[in-house]
Amino acid sequence: MAHVVQPKAPNLALPKIEYSEDQQNQLQNQLRLYFAQLDKAHLDEIKNLHTNNVMHWMGI
């Protein structure tokens, strides 16, 4: 079985007083990548759980 790596929350940059489109895009990219990592870890955990259930069912 694969070891599921727990994603680490990103260090988000502190916002500037003035709005910056570049900074907003950077924040959205950081969050998008983080949530993609969470989705993958969740899917891997579900796959491991299903594998364990099948192995138990088969008596392995």
C-alpha atoms as a PDB file:
ATOM      1  CA  MET A   1       0.000   0.000   0.000  1.00  0.00           C
ATOM      2  CA  ALA A   2       1.120   3.516  -0.754  1.00  0.00           C
ATOM      3  CA  HIS A   3       1.976   5.966   1.961  1.00  0.00           C
ATOM      4  CA  VAL A   4      -0.375   8.950   1.807  1.00  0.00           C
ATOM      5  CA  VAL A   5       1.488  12.237   2.213  1.00  0.00           C
ATOM      6  CA  GLN A   6      -0.427  14.820   4.188  1.00  0.00           C
ATOM      7  CA  PRO A   7      -0.307  18.167   2.350  1.00  0.00           C
ATOM      8  CA  LYS A   8       1.139  21.134   4.226  1.00  0.00           C
ATOM      9  CA  ALA A   9      -0.794  24.383   4.149  1.00  0.00           C
ATOM     10  CA  PRO A  10       0.969  27.041   2.055  1.00  0.00           C
ATOM     11  CA  ASN A  11       2.513  30.129   3.614  1.00  0.00           C
ATOM     12  CA  LEU A  12       0.274  32.786   2.126  1.00  0.00           C
ATOM     13  CA  ALA A  13       1.766  36.214   1.493  1.00  0.00           C
ATOM     14  CA  LEU A  14       0.387  39.081   3.528  1.00  0.00           C
ATOM     15  CA  PRO A  15      -1.721  41.384   1.364  1.00  0.00           C
ATOM     16  CA  LYS A  16      -0.598  44.903   0.554  1.00  0.00           C
ATOM     17  CA  ILE A  17      -2.795  47.857   1.365  1.00  0.00           C
ATOM     18  CA  GLU A  18      -3.296  48.587  -2.340  1.00  0.00           C
ATOM     19  CA  TYR A  19      -4.987  45.984  -4.526  1.00  0.00           C
ATOM     20  CA  SER A  20      -2.580  44.054  -6.737  1.00  0.00           C
ATOM     21  CA  GLU A  21      -3.832  41.798  -9.495  1.00  0.00           C
ATOM     22  CA  ASP A  22      -0.536  39.886  -9.516  1.00  0.00           C
ATOM     23  CA  GLN A  23      -0.766  39.228  -5.793  1.00  0.00           C
ATOM     24  CA  GLN A  24      -4.382  38.103  -6.149  1.00  0.00           C
ATOM     25  CA  ASN A  25      -3.376  35.703  -8.934  1.00  0.00           C
ATOM     26  CA  GLN A  26      -0.525  34.354  -6.802  1.00  0.00           C
ATOM     27  CA  LEU A  27      -2.915  33.745  -3.893  1.00  0.00           C
ATOM     28  CA  GLN A  28      -5.398  31.942  -6.134  1.00  0.00           C
ATOM     29  CA  ASN A  29      -2.630  29.759  -7.576  1.00  0.00           C
ATOM     30  CA  GLN A  30      -1.356  28.853  -4.113  1.00  0.00           C
ATOM     31  CA  LEU A  31      -4.843  27.886  -2.976  1.00  0.00           C
ATOM     32  CA  ARG A  32      -5.572  25.981  -6.191  1.00  0.00           C
ATOM     33  CA  LEU A  33      -2.396  23.910  -5.782  1.00  0.00           C
ATOM     34  CA  TYR A  34      -3.113  23.281  -2.098  1.00  0.00           C
ATOM     35  CA  PHE A  35      -6.653  22.079  -2.738  1.00  0.00           C
ATOM     36  CA  ALA A  36      -5.425  19.868  -5.595  1.00  0.00           C
ATOM     37  CA  GLN A  37      -2.982  18.270  -3.128  1.00  0.00           C
ATOM     38  CA  LEU A  38      -5.806  17.762  -0.625  1.00  0.00           C
ATOM     39  CA  ASP A  39      -7.985  16.143  -3.296  1.00  0.00           C
ATOM     40  CA  LYS A  40      -5.162  13.766  -4.278  1.00  0.00           C
ATOM     41  CA  ALA A  41      -4.428  12.813  -0.655  1.00  0.00           C
ATOM     42  CA  HIS A  42      -8.136  12.204  -0.064  1.00  0.00           C
ATOM     43  CA  LEU A  43      -8.421  10.031  -3.181  1.00  0.00           C
ATOM     44  CA  ASP A  44      -5.290   8.055  -2.213  1.00  0.00           C
ATOM     45  CA  GLU A  45      -6.723   7.456   1.257  1.00  0.00           C
ATOM     46  CA  ILE A  46     -10.015   6.201  -0.194  1.00  0.00           C
ATOM     47  CA  LYS A  47      -8.138   3.860  -2.556  1.00  0.00           C
ATOM     48  CA  ASN A  48      -6.141   2.478   0.377  1.00  0.00           C
ATOM     49  CA  LEU A  49      -9.316   1.966   2.373  1.00  0.00           C
ATOM     50  CA  HIS A  50     -10.966   0.091  -0.498  1.00  0.00           C
ATOM     51  CA  THR A  51      -7.828  -2.031  -0.954  1.00  0.00           C
ATOM     52  CA  ASN A  52      -7.829  -2.898   2.747  1.00  0.00           C
ATOM     53  CA  ASN A  53     -11.510  -3.857   2.582  1.00  0.00           C
ATOM     54  CA  VAL A  54     -10.935  -6.141  -0.414  1.00  0.00           C
ATOM     55  CA  MET A  55      -7.880  -7.723   1.205  1.00  0.00           C
ATOM     56  CA  HIS A  56      -9.877  -8.345   4.387  1.00  0.00           C
ATOM     57  CA  TRP A  57     -12.710  -9.814   2.360  1.00  0.00           C
ATOM     58  CA  MET A  58     -10.273 -12.123   0.576  1.00  0.00           C
ATOM     59  CA  GLY A  59      -8.743 -13.175   3.888  1.00  0.00           C
ATOM     60  CA  ILE A  60      -5.316 -11.746   3.131  1.00  0.00           C
END
